[in-house]
PDB file of N, CA and C in Angstrom:
ATOM      1  N   MET A   1     109.984  93.917 105.833  1.00  0.00           N
ATOM      2  CA  MET A   1     109.546  92.530 105.802  1.00  0.00           C
ATOM      3  C   MET A   1     109.898  91.895 107.142  1.00  0.00           C
ATOM      4  N   SER A   2     108.997  91.101 107.666  1.00  0.00           N
ATOM      5  CA  SER A   2     109.268  90.437 108.933  1.00  0.00           C
ATOM      6  C   SER A   2     110.350  89.379 108.753  1.00  0.00           C
ATOM      7  N   ALA A   3     111.042  89.081 109.831  1.00  0.00           N
ATOM      8  CA  ALA A   3     112.096  88.064 109.794  1.00  0.00           C
ATOM      9  C   ALA A   3     111.512  86.703 109.415  1.00  0.00           C
ATOM     10  N   GLU A   4     110.286  86.428 109.857  1.00  0.00           N
ATOM     11  CA  GLU A   4     109.650  85.154 109.523  1.00  0.00           C
ATOM     12  C   GLU A   4     109.376  85.042 108.023  1.00  0.00           C
ATOM     13  N   VAL A   5     108.891  86.120 107.424  1.00  0.00           N
ATOM     14  CA  VAL A   5     108.623  86.114 105.985  1.00  0.00           C
ATOM     15  C   VAL A   5     109.936  85.977 105.229  1.00  0.00           C
ATOM     16  N   GLU A   6     110.942  86.712 105.658  1.00  0.00           N
ATOM     17  CA  GLU A   6     112.265  86.632 105.022  1.00  0.00           C
ATOM     18  C   GLU A   6     112.803  85.206 105.086  1.00  0.00           C
ATOM     19  N   ALA A   7     112.682  84.560 106.232  1.00  0.00           N
ATOM     20  CA  ALA A   7     113.164  83.180 106.381  1.00  0.00           C
ATOM     21  C   ALA A   7     112.385  82.231 105.471  1.00  0.00           C
ATOM     22  N   TYR A   8     111.083  82.435 105.376  1.00  0.00           N
ATOM     23  CA  TYR A   8     110.248  81.601 104.510  1.00  0.00           C
ATOM     24  C   TYR A   8     110.712  81.715 103.061  1.00  0.00           C
ATOM     25  N   LEU A   9     110.872  82.938 102.581  1.00  0.00           N
ATOM     26  CA  LEU A   9     111.264  83.157 101.187  1.00  0.00           C
ATOM     27  C   LEU A   9     112.677  82.651 100.915  1.00  0.00           C
ATOM     28  N   THR A  10     113.584  82.874 101.833  1.00  0.00           N
ATOM     29  CA  THR A  10     114.976  82.450 101.667  1.00  0.00           C
ATOM     30  C   THR A  10     115.096  80.931 101.554  1.00  0.00           C
ATOM     31  N   ALA A  11     114.206  80.213 102.211  1.00  0.00           N
ATOM     32  CA  ALA A  11     114.270  78.744 102.204  1.00  0.00           C
ATOM     33  C   ALA A  11     113.750  78.124 100.903  1.00  0.00           C
ATOM     34  N   LEU A  12     113.111  78.913 100.050  1.00  0.00           N
ATOM     35  CA  LEU A  12     112.543  78.361  98.818  1.00  0.00           C
ATOM     36  C   LEU A  12     113.609  78.153  97.748  1.00  0.00           C
ATOM     37  N   PRO A  13     113.403  77.172  96.855  1.00  0.00           N
ATOM     38  CA  PRO A  13     114.292  77.028  95.695  1.00  0.00           C
ATOM     39  C   PRO A  13     114.254  78.321  94.876  1.00  0.00           C
ATOM     40  N   PRO A  14     115.341  78.669  94.199  1.00  0.00           N
ATOM     41  CA  PRO A  14     115.427  79.973  93.511  1.00  0.00           C
ATOM     42  C   PRO A  14     114.258  80.326  92.601  1.00  0.00           C
ATOM     43  N   HIS A  15     113.787  79.395  91.755  1.00  0.00           N
ATOM     44  CA  HIS A  15     112.694  79.748  90.841  1.00  0.00           C
ATOM     45  C   HIS A  15     111.374  79.948  91.584  1.00  0.00           C
ATOM     46  N   PHE A  16     111.159  79.214  92.666  1.00  0.00           N
ATOM     47  CA  PHE A  16     109.963  79.422  93.475  1.00  0.00           C
ATOM     48  C   PHE A  16     110.088  80.705  94.294  1.00  0.00           C
ATOM     49  N   ARG A  17     111.294  81.002  94.773  1.00  0.00           N
ATOM     50  CA  ARG A  17     111.522  82.241  95.527  1.00  0.00           C
ATOM     51  C   ARG A  17     111.219  83.450  94.653  1.00  0.00           C
ATOM     52  N   ALA A  18     111.695  83.441  93.422  1.00  0.00           N
ATOM     53  CA  ALA A  18     111.456  84.569  92.513  1.00  0.00           C
ATOM     54  C   ALA A  18     109.957  84.758  92.278  1.00  0.00           C
ATOM     55  N   ALA A  19     109.222  83.669  92.071  1.00  0.00           N
ATOM     56  CA  ALA A  19     107.771  83.762  91.843  1.00  0.00           C
ATOM     57  C   ALA A  19     107.054  84.269  93.092  1.00  0.00           C
ATOM     58  N   ALA A  20     107.457  83.784  94.257  1.00  0.00           N
ATOM     59  CA  ALA A  20     106.838  84.220  95.511  1.00  0.00           C
ATOM     60  C   ALA A  20     107.150  85.691  95.790  1.00  0.00           C
ATOM     61  N   GLU A  21     108.372  86.109  95.507  1.00  0.00           N
ATOM     62  CA  GLU A  21     108.740  87.510  95.729  1.00  0.00           C
ATOM     63  C   GLU A  21     107.996  88.442  94.772  1.00  0.00           C
ATOM     64  N   THR A  22     107.766  87.990  93.549  1.00  0.00           N
ATOM     65  CA  THR A  22     106.983  88.788  92.607  1.00  0.00           C
ATOM     66  C   THR A  22     105.547  88.925  93.100  1.00  0.00           C
ATOM     67  N   LEU A  23     104.947  87.826  93.530  1.00  0.00           N
ATOM     68  CA  LEU A  23     103.582  87.873  94.058  1.00  0.00           C
ATOM     69  C   LEU A  23     103.531  88.755  95.297  1.00  0.00           C
ATOM     70  N   ARG A  24     104.513  88.626  96.163  1.00  0.00           N
ATOM     71  CA  ARG A  24     104.576  89.465  97.362  1.00  0.00           C
ATOM     72  C   ARG A  24     104.574  90.943  96.995  1.00  0.00           C
ATOM     73  N   ALA A  25     105.386  91.315  96.029  1.00  0.00           N
ATOM     74  CA  ALA A  25     105.467  92.714  95.600  1.00  0.00           C
ATOM     75  C   ALA A  25     104.129  93.185  95.024  1.00  0.00           C
ATOM     76  N   GLN A  26     103.456  92.321  94.276  1.00  0.00           N
ATOM     77  CA  GLN A  26     102.153  92.683  93.718  1.00  0.00           C
ATOM     78  C   GLN A  26     101.122  92.875  94.829  1.00  0.00           C
ATOM     79  N   LEU A  27     101.125  91.978  95.805  1.00  0.00           N
ATOM     80  CA  LEU A  27     100.204  92.108  96.924  1.00  0.00           C
ATOM     81  C   LEU A  27     100.496  93.373  97.730  1.00  0.00           C
ATOM     82  N   LYS A  28     101.770  93.626  97.938  1.00  0.00           N
ATOM     83  CA  LYS A  28     102.154  94.822  98.696  1.00  0.00           C
ATOM     84  C   LYS A  28     101.700  96.096  97.970  1.00  0.00           C
ATOM     85  N   SER A  29     101.769  96.098  96.648  1.00  0.00           N
ATOM     86  CA  SER A  29     101.330  97.278  95.900  1.00  0.00           C
ATOM     87  C   SER A  29      99.807  97.440  95.967  1.00  0.00           C
ATOM     88  N   LEU A  30      99.079  96.326  96.061  1.00  0.00           N
ATOM     89  CA  LEU A  30      97.624  96.387  96.175  1.00  0.00           C
ATOM     90  C   LEU A  30      97.164  96.674  97.609  1.00  0.00           C
ATOM     91  N   LEU A  31      98.013  96.358  98.560  1.00  0.00           N
ATOM     92  CA  LEU A  31      97.675  96.491  99.979  1.00  0.00           C
ATOM     93  C   LEU A  31      98.767  97.276 100.714  1.00  0.00           C
ATOM     94  N   PRO A  32      99.059  98.498 100.282  1.00  0.00           N
ATOM     95  CA  PRO A  32     100.231  99.210 100.802  1.00  0.00           C
ATOM     96  C   PRO A  32     100.205  99.512 102.295  1.00  0.00           C
ATOM     97  N   ASP A  33      99.037  99.664 102.890  1.00  0.00           N
ATOM     98  CA  ASP A  33      98.966  99.991 104.313  1.00  0.00           C
ATOM     99  C   ASP A  33      98.719  98.767 105.192  1.00  0.00           C
ATOM    100  N   HIS A  34      98.693  97.591 104.595  1.00  0.00           N
ATOM    101  CA  HIS A  34      98.424  96.371 105.343  1.00  0.00           C
ATOM    102  C   HIS A  34      99.691  95.836 106.010  1.00  0.00           C
ATOM    103  N   ILE A  35      99.494  94.973 106.985  1.00  0.00           N
ATOM    104  CA  ILE A  35     100.594  94.426 107.777  1.00  0.00           C
ATOM    105  C   ILE A  35     101.031  93.093 107.184  1.00  0.00           C
ATOM    106  N   GLU A  36     102.306  93.011 106.853  1.00  0.00           N
ATOM    107  CA  GLU A  36     102.850  91.747 106.345  1.00  0.00           C
ATOM    108  C   GLU A  36     103.130  90.848 107.537  1.00  0.00           C
ATOM    109  N   CYS A  37     102.702  89.590 107.438  1.00  0.00           N
ATOM    110  CA  CYS A  37     102.857  88.682 108.568  1.00  0.00           C
ATOM    111  C   CYS A  37     102.829  87.235 108.083  1.00  0.00           C
ATOM    112  N   MET A  38     102.970  86.328 109.028  1.00  0.00           N
ATOM    113  CA  MET A  38     102.801  84.907 108.759  1.00  0.00           C
ATOM    114  C   MET A  38     101.483  84.480 109.390  1.00  0.00           C
ATOM    115  N   SER A  39     100.691  83.695 108.653  1.00  0.00           N
ATOM    116  CA  SER A  39      99.444  83.163 109.165  1.00  0.00           C
ATOM    117  C   SER A  39      99.234  81.794 108.534  1.00  0.00           C
ATOM    118  N   TYR A  40      98.907  80.810 109.328  1.00  0.00           N
ATOM    119  CA  TYR A  40      98.762  79.442 108.839  1.00  0.00           C
ATOM    120  C   TYR A  40     100.030  78.995 108.111  1.00  0.00           C
ATOM    121  N   ALA A  41     101.180  79.383 108.641  1.00  0.00           N
ATOM    122  CA  ALA A  41     102.495  79.004 108.117  1.00  0.00           C
ATOM    123  C   ALA A  41     102.765  79.524 106.713  1.00  0.00           C
ATOM    124  N   MET A  42     102.076  80.605 106.327  1.00  0.00           N
ATOM    125  CA  MET A  42     102.345  81.203 105.016  1.00  0.00           C
ATOM    126  C   MET A  42     102.414  82.719 105.161  1.00  0.00           C
ATOM    127  N   PRO A  43     103.246  83.361 104.340  1.00  0.00           N
ATOM    128  CA  PRO A  43     103.291  84.815 104.362  1.00  0.00           C
ATOM    129  C   PRO A  43     101.990  85.395 103.831  1.00  0.00           C
ATOM    130  N   GLY A  44     101.668  86.575 104.302  1.00  0.00           N
ATOM    131  CA  GLY A  44     100.460  87.217 103.813  1.00  0.00           C
ATOM    132  C   GLY A  44     100.324  88.628 104.333  1.00  0.00           C
ATOM    133  N   PHE A  45      99.147  89.196 104.111  1.00  0.00           N
ATOM    134  CA  PHE A  45      98.868  90.573 104.486  1.00  0.00           C
ATOM    135  C   PHE A  45      97.569  90.642 105.272  1.00  0.00           C
ATOM    136  N   ARG A  46      97.650  91.343 106.398  1.00  0.00           N
ATOM    137  CA  ARG A  46      96.531  91.502 107.321  1.00  0.00           C
ATOM    138  C   ARG A  46      96.033  92.943 107.270  1.00  0.00           C
ATOM    139  N   ASP A  47      94.719  93.111 107.393  1.00  0.00           N
ATOM    140  CA  ASP A  47      94.130  94.440 107.468  1.00  0.00           C
ATOM    141  C   ASP A  47      94.749  95.181 108.660  1.00  0.00           C
ATOM    142  N   PRO A  48      95.084  96.469 108.499  1.00  0.00           N
ATOM    143  CA  PRO A  48      95.778  97.184 109.571  1.00  0.00           C
ATOM    144  C   PRO A  48      94.907  97.603 110.749  1.00  0.00           C
ATOM    145  N   LYS A  49      93.593  97.448 110.631  1.00  0.00           N
ATOM    146  CA  LYS A  49      92.717  97.819 111.744  1.00  0.00           C
ATOM    147  C   LYS A  49      92.981  96.917 112.946  1.00  0.00           C
ATOM    148  N   PRO A  50      92.647  97.384 114.163  1.00  0.00           N
ATOM    149  CA  PRO A  50      92.770  96.498 115.325  1.00  0.00           C
ATOM    150  C   PRO A  50      92.001  95.202 115.075  1.00  0.00           C
ATOM    151  N   LYS A  51      92.620  94.107 115.379  1.00  0.00           N
ATOM    152  CA  LYS A  51      92.047  92.770 115.132  1.00  0.00           C
ATOM    153  C   LYS A  51      91.739  92.572 113.653  1.00  0.00           C
ATOM    154  N   GLY A  52      92.556  93.188 112.793  1.00  0.00           N
ATOM    155  CA  GLY A  52      92.359  93.100 111.347  1.00  0.00           C
ATOM    156  C   GLY A  52      92.440  91.669 110.842  1.00  0.00           C
ATOM    157  N   LYS A  53      91.584  91.363 109.899  1.00  0.00           N
ATOM    158  CA  LYS A  53      91.548  90.022 109.319  1.00  0.00           C
ATOM    159  C   LYS A  53      92.592  89.875 108.234  1.00  0.00           C
ATOM    160  N   MET A  54      92.984  88.636 107.991  1.00  0.00           N
ATOM    161  CA  MET A  54      93.887  88.338 106.887  1.00  0.00           C
ATOM    162  C   MET A  54      93.156  88.618 105.579  1.00  0.00           C
ATOM    163  N   VAL A  55      93.853  89.291 104.674  1.00  0.00           N
ATOM    164  CA  VAL A  55      93.289  89.542 103.349  1.00  0.00           C
ATOM    165  C   VAL A  55      93.717  88.422 102.413  1.00  0.00           C
ATOM    166  N   ALA A  56      94.999  88.113 102.400  1.00  0.00           N
ATOM    167  CA  ALA A  56      95.489  87.052 101.515  1.00  0.00           C
ATOM    168  C   ALA A  56      96.848  86.570 101.976  1.00  0.00           C
ATOM    169  N   GLY A  57      97.112  85.314 101.670  1.00  0.00           N
ATOM    170  CA  GLY A  57      98.411  84.721 101.919  1.00  0.00           C
ATOM    171  C   GLY A  57      98.860  83.985 100.672  1.00  0.00           C
ATOM    172  N   TYR A  58     100.105  83.574 100.675  1.00  0.00           N
ATOM    173  CA  TYR A  58     100.644  82.818  99.552  1.00  0.00           C
ATOM    174  C   TYR A  58     101.608  81.777 100.092  1.00  0.00           C
ATOM    175  N   ALA A  59     101.777  80.718  99.335  1.00  0.00           N
ATOM    176  CA  ALA A  59     102.638  79.629  99.783  1.00  0.00           C
ATOM    177  C   ALA A  59     103.230  78.900  98.589  1.00  0.00           C
ATOM    178  N   ALA A  60     104.368  78.280  98.842  1.00  0.00           N
ATOM    179  CA  ALA A  60     105.026  77.471  97.820  1.00  0.00           C
ATOM    180  C   ALA A  60     105.047  76.017  98.283  1.00  0.00           C
ATOM    181  N   PHE A  61     104.824  75.138  97.341  1.00  0.00           N
ATOM    182  CA  PHE A  61     104.824  73.706  97.607  1.00  0.00           C
ATOM    183  C   PHE A  61     105.810  73.048  96.644  1.00  0.00           C
ATOM    184  N   THR A  62     105.827  71.749  96.572  1.00  0.00           N
ATOM    185  CA  THR A  62     106.798  71.048  95.742  1.00  0.00           C
ATOM    186  C   THR A  62     106.652  71.371  94.256  1.00  0.00           C
ATOM    187  N   HIS A  63     105.417  71.400  93.757  1.00  0.00           N
ATOM    188  CA  HIS A  63     105.200  71.562  92.323  1.00  0.00           C
ATOM    189  C   HIS A  63     104.438  72.821  91.925  1.00  0.00           C
ATOM    190  N   HIS A  64     104.004  73.597  92.896  1.00  0.00           N
ATOM    191  CA  HIS A  64     103.225  74.797  92.579  1.00  0.00           C
ATOM    192  C   HIS A  64     103.289  75.806  93.718  1.00  0.00           C
ATOM    193  N   LEU A  65     102.736  76.974  93.452  1.00  0.00           N
ATOM    194  CA  LEU A  65     102.523  77.996  94.471  1.00  0.00           C
ATOM    195  C   LEU A  65     101.027  78.262  94.523  1.00  0.00           C
ATOM    196  N   GLY A  66     100.591  78.957  95.561  1.00  0.00           N
ATOM    197  CA  GLY A  66      99.176  79.275  95.653  1.00  0.00           C
ATOM    198  C   GLY A  66      98.943  80.640  96.267  1.00  0.00           C
ATOM    199  N   LEU A  67      97.873  81.271  95.848  1.00  0.00           N
ATOM    200  CA  LEU A  67      97.383  82.513  96.434  1.00  0.00           C
ATOM    201  C   LEU A  67      96.104  82.160  97.168  1.00  0.00           C
ATOM    202  N   TYR A  68      96.026  82.528  98.454  1.00  0.00           N
ATOM    203  CA  TYR A  68      94.911  82.121  99.306  1.00  0.00           C
ATOM    204  C   TYR A  68      94.265  83.338  99.951  1.00  0.00           C
ATOM    205  N   PRO A  69      93.028  83.663  99.570  1.00  0.00           N
ATOM    206  CA  PRO A  69      92.364  84.826 100.133  1.00  0.00           C
ATOM    207  C   PRO A  69      91.746  84.602 101.524  1.00  0.00           C
ATOM    208  N   HIS A  70      92.154  83.567 102.216  1.00  0.00           N
ATOM    209  CA  HIS A  70      91.693  83.295 103.586  1.00  0.00           C
ATOM    210  C   HIS A  70      90.175  83.308 103.699  1.00  0.00           C
ATOM    211  N   SER A  71      89.535  82.748 102.693  1.00  0.00           N
ATOM    212  CA  SER A  71      88.083  82.617 102.684  1.00  0.00           C
ATOM    213  C   SER A  71      87.703  81.525 101.691  1.00  0.00           C
ATOM    214  N   GLY A  72      86.738  80.736 102.046  1.00  0.00           N
ATOM    215  CA  GLY A  72      86.247  79.724 101.119  1.00  0.00           C
ATOM    216  C   GLY A  72      85.193  80.257 100.165  1.00  0.00           C
ATOM    217  N   ASN A  73      84.904  81.557 100.260  1.00  0.00           N
ATOM    218  CA  ASN A  73      83.836  82.136  99.452  1.00  0.00           C
ATOM    219  C   ASN A  73      84.310  82.947  98.251  1.00  0.00           C
ATOM    220  N   ILE A  74      85.587  83.143  98.094  1.00  0.00           N
ATOM    221  CA  ILE A  74      86.092  84.053  97.065  1.00  0.00           C
ATOM    222  C   ILE A  74      86.362  83.345  95.743  1.00  0.00           C
ATOM    223  N   VAL A  75      87.210  82.346  95.761  1.00  0.00           N
ATOM    224  CA  VAL A  75      87.699  81.718  94.527  1.00  0.00           C
ATOM    225  C   VAL A  75      86.571  81.114  93.701  1.00  0.00           C
ATOM    226  N   ALA A  76      85.578  80.551  94.345  1.00  0.00           N
ATOM    227  CA  ALA A  76      84.472  79.921  93.620  1.00  0.00           C
ATOM    228  C   ALA A  76      83.662  80.917  92.788  1.00  0.00           C
ATOM    229  N   HIS A  77      83.743  82.189  93.119  1.00  0.00           N
ATOM    230  CA  HIS A  77      82.941  83.203  92.425  1.00  0.00           C
ATOM    231  C   HIS A  77      83.737  84.007  91.401  1.00  0.00           C
ATOM    232  N   ILE A  78      84.969  83.597  91.156  1.00  0.00           N
ATOM    233  CA  ILE A  78      85.828  84.309  90.212  1.00  0.00           C
ATOM    234  C   ILE A  78      86.298  83.330  89.145  1.00  0.00           C
ATOM    235  N   ASP A  79      86.300  83.765  87.897  1.00  0.00           N
ATOM    236  CA  ASP A  79      86.797  82.930  86.801  1.00  0.00           C
ATOM    237  C   ASP A  79      88.322  82.952  86.847  1.00  0.00           C
ATOM    238  N   CYS A  80      88.889  81.866  87.308  1.00  0.00           N
ATOM    239  CA  CYS A  80      90.342  81.762  87.458  1.00  0.00           C
ATOM    240  C   CYS A  80      90.990  80.952  86.334  1.00  0.00           C
ATOM    241  N   ALA A  81      90.225  80.572  85.334  1.00  0.00           N
ATOM    242  CA  ALA A  81      90.761  79.776  84.218  1.00  0.00           C
ATOM    243  C   ALA A  81      91.899  80.543  83.553  1.00  0.00           C
ATOM    244  N   PRO A  82      92.928  79.834  83.176  1.00  0.00           N
ATOM    245  CA  PRO A  82      93.133  78.400  83.097  1.00  0.00           C
ATOM    246  C   PRO A  82      93.815  77.797  84.322  1.00  0.00           C
ATOM    247  N   PHE A  83      93.854  78.522  85.433  1.00  0.00           N
ATOM    248  CA  PHE A  83      94.561  78.056  86.621  1.00  0.00           C
ATOM    249  C   PHE A  83      93.718  77.076  87.414  1.00  0.00           C
ATOM    250  N   LYS A  84      94.382  76.110  88.044  1.00  0.00           N
ATOM    251  CA  LYS A  84      93.708  75.177  88.934  1.00  0.00           C
ATOM    252  C   LYS A  84      93.325  75.927  90.200  1.00  0.00           C
ATOM    253  N   THR A  85      92.213  75.518  90.767  1.00  0.00           N
ATOM    254  CA  THR A  85      91.755  76.144  92.004  1.00  0.00           C
ATOM    255  C   THR A  85      91.389  75.081  93.023  1.00  0.00           C
ATOM    256  N   SER A  86      91.344  75.507  94.267  1.00  0.00           N
ATOM    257  CA  SER A  86      90.770  74.719  95.344  1.00  0.00           C
ATOM    258  C   SER A  86      89.713  75.615  95.975  1.00  0.00           C
ATOM    259  N   LYS A  87      89.035  75.135  96.975  1.00  0.00           N
ATOM    260  CA  LYS A  87      88.026  75.962  97.626  1.00  0.00           C
ATOM    261  C   LYS A  87      88.663  77.234  98.196  1.00  0.00           C
ATOM    262  N   SER A  88      89.924  77.126  98.582  1.00  0.00           N
ATOM    263  CA  SER A  88      90.551  78.242  99.284  1.00  0.00           C
ATOM    264  C   SER A  88      91.605  79.012  98.497  1.00  0.00           C
ATOM    265  N   GLY A  89      91.959  78.569  97.294  1.00  0.00           N
ATOM    266  CA  GLY A  89      93.022  79.278  96.599  1.00  0.00           C
ATOM    267  C   GLY A  89      93.134  78.995  95.121  1.00  0.00           C
ATOM    268  N   VAL A  90      94.086  79.704  94.516  1.00  0.00           N
ATOM    269  CA  VAL A  90      94.400  79.560  93.098  1.00  0.00           C
ATOM    270  C   VAL A  90      95.842  79.086  93.004  1.00  0.00           C
ATOM    271  N   LEU A  91      96.070  78.042  92.237  1.00  0.00           N
ATOM    272  CA  LEU A  91      97.394  77.436  92.122  1.00  0.00           C
ATOM    273  C   LEU A  91      98.059  77.863  90.818  1.00  0.00           C
ATOM    274  N   PHE A  92      99.372  78.038  90.880  1.00  0.00           N
ATOM    275  CA  PHE A  92     100.129  78.423  89.691  1.00  0.00           C
ATOM    276  C   PHE A  92     101.561  77.923  89.826  1.00  0.00           C
ATOM    277  N   THR A  93     102.301  78.016  88.734  1.00  0.00           N
ATOM    278  CA  THR A  93     103.704  77.609  88.739  1.00  0.00           C
ATOM    279  C   THR A  93     104.572  78.832  88.441  1.00  0.00           C
ATOM    280  N   PRO A  94     105.858  78.743  88.736  1.00  0.00           N
ATOM    281  CA  PRO A  94     106.741  79.871  88.416  1.00  0.00           C
ATOM    282  C   PRO A  94     106.731  80.217  86.925  1.00  0.00           C
ATOM    283  N   ASP A  95     106.542  79.210  86.069  1.00  0.00           N
ATOM    284  CA  ASP A  95     106.523  79.440  84.624  1.00  0.00           C
ATOM    285  C   ASP A  95     105.221  80.061  84.126  1.00  0.00           C
ATOM    286  N   HIS A  96     104.163  79.959  84.922  1.00  0.00           N
ATOM    287  CA  HIS A  96     102.855  80.500  84.548  1.00  0.00           C
ATOM    288  C   HIS A  96     102.261  81.250  85.743  1.00  0.00           C
ATOM    289  N   PRO A  97     102.796  82.427  86.042  1.00  0.00           N
ATOM    290  CA  PRO A  97     102.319  83.190  87.200  1.00  0.00           C
ATOM    291  C   PRO A  97     100.907  83.738  86.989  1.00  0.00           C
ATOM    292  N   LEU A  98     100.281  84.084  88.081  1.00  0.00           N
ATOM    293  CA  LEU A  98      98.947  84.680  88.017  1.00  0.00           C
ATOM    294  C   LEU A  98      99.038  86.078  87.421  1.00  0.00           C
ATOM    295  N   PRO A  99      98.126  86.439  86.534  1.00  0.00           N
ATOM    296  CA  PRO A  99      98.123  87.805  85.998  1.00  0.00           C
ATOM    297  C   PRO A  99      97.678  88.791  87.085  1.00  0.00           C
ATOM    298  N   LEU A 100      98.222  89.985  87.021  1.00  0.00           N
ATOM    299  CA  LEU A 100      97.904  91.013  88.007  1.00  0.00           C
ATOM    300  C   LEU A 100      96.398  91.284  88.052  1.00  0.00           C
ATOM    301  N   ALA A 101      95.720  91.239  86.924  1.00  0.00           N
ATOM    302  CA  ALA A 101      94.269  91.492  86.909  1.00  0.00           C
ATOM    303  C   ALA A 101      93.523  90.466  87.765  1.00  0.00           C
ATOM    304  N   LEU A 102      93.937  89.200  87.718  1.00  0.00           N
ATOM    305  CA  LEU A 102      93.293  88.167  88.524  1.00  0.00           C
ATOM    306  C   LEU A 102      93.609  88.370  89.999  1.00  0.00           C
ATOM    307  N   ILE A 103      94.854  88.657  90.301  1.00  0.00           N
ATOM    308  CA  ILE A 103      95.243  88.917  91.698  1.00  0.00           C
ATOM    309  C   ILE A 103      94.424  90.076  92.250  1.00  0.00           C
ATOM    310  N   THR A 104      94.322  91.135  91.468  1.00  0.00           N
ATOM    311  CA  THR A 104      93.561  92.316  91.883  1.00  0.00           C
ATOM    312  C   THR A 104      92.102  91.963  92.145  1.00  0.00           C
ATOM    313  N   GLN A 105      91.509  91.183  91.264  1.00  0.00           N
ATOM    314  CA  GLN A 105      90.107  90.787  91.424  1.00  0.00           C
ATOM    315  C   GLN A 105      89.910  89.985  92.714  1.00  0.00           C
ATOM    316  N   ILE A 106      90.828  89.079  93.006  1.00  0.00           N
ATOM    317  CA  ILE A 106      90.747  88.258  94.214  1.00  0.00           C
ATOM    318  C   ILE A 106      90.885  89.138  95.459  1.00  0.00           C
ATOM    319  N   ILE A 107      91.867  90.024  95.444  1.00  0.00           N
ATOM    320  CA  ILE A 107      92.102  90.891  96.605  1.00  0.00           C
ATOM    321  C   ILE A 107      90.914  91.819  96.836  1.00  0.00           C
ATOM    322  N   ARG A 108      90.397  92.413  95.788  1.00  0.00           N
ATOM    323  CA  ARG A 108      89.263  93.335  95.942  1.00  0.00           C
ATOM    324  C   ARG A 108      88.020  92.596  96.457  1.00  0.00           C
ATOM    325  N   ALA A 109      87.802  91.376  95.982  1.00  0.00           N
ATOM    326  CA  ALA A 109      86.662  90.585  96.464  1.00  0.00           C
ATOM    327  C   ALA A 109      86.820  90.267  97.951  1.00  0.00           C
ATOM    328  N   ARG A 110      88.036  89.940  98.368  1.00  0.00           N
ATOM    329  CA  ARG A 110      88.276  89.649  99.782  1.00  0.00           C
ATOM    330  C   ARG A 110      88.095  90.903 100.627  1.00  0.00           C
ATOM    331  N   GLN A 111      88.581  92.036 100.145  1.00  0.00           N
ATOM    332  CA  GLN A 111      88.410  93.274 100.892  1.00  0.00           C
ATOM    333  C   GLN A 111      86.932  93.632 101.049  1.00  0.00           C
ATOM    334  N   THR A 112      86.164  93.400 100.015  1.00  0.00           N
ATOM    335  CA  THR A 112      84.720  93.651 100.083  1.00  0.00           C
ATOM    336  C   THR A 112      84.084  92.730 101.111  1.00  0.00           C
ATOM    337  N   GLU A 113      84.519  91.474 101.126  1.00  0.00           N
ATOM    338  CA  GLU A 113      83.962  90.495 102.052  1.00  0.00           C
ATOM    339  C   GLU A 113      84.220  90.879 103.510  1.00  0.00           C
ATOM    340  N   ILE A 114      85.385  91.398 103.822  1.00  0.00           N
ATOM    341  CA  ILE A 114      85.724  91.698 105.215  1.00  0.00           C
ATOM    342  C   ILE A 114      85.426  93.136 105.626  1.00  0.00           C
ATOM    343  N   ALA A 115      84.954  93.941 104.677  1.00  0.00           N
ATOM    344  CA  ALA A 115      84.643  95.346 104.997  1.00  0.00           C
ATOM    345  C   ALA A 115      83.502  95.379 106.030  1.00  0.00           C
ATOM    346  N   PRO A 116      83.574  96.343 106.952  1.00  0.00           N
ATOM    347  CA  PRO A 116      82.522  96.432 107.986  1.00  0.00           C
ATOM    348  C   PRO A 116      81.181  96.824 107.393  1.00  0.00           C
TER     349      PRO A 116
END
């Protein structure tokens, strides 16, 4: 894990840190060869190819966390109910984390979008 990602996670309140670390582990398992980095002030995973694009990032805020596939075209085409969404992400709380099936669907859609 990069020092920047470690610092980001360490600064979170304990219940948000646990939720972010769980999401991180799930993303890492779905993207094992990808590069963990910071982008737009949030931790995430970048495609390992030269000039690889961001696949997804995640962030914690005061009242929620979010998974962001770094595209405005992904979330609108996936049924994310009952979670709140924005054009760029899916919002959740530590008490109601995103199911792995939804995370997988979002990641696979983003990978398809950025595939050559």
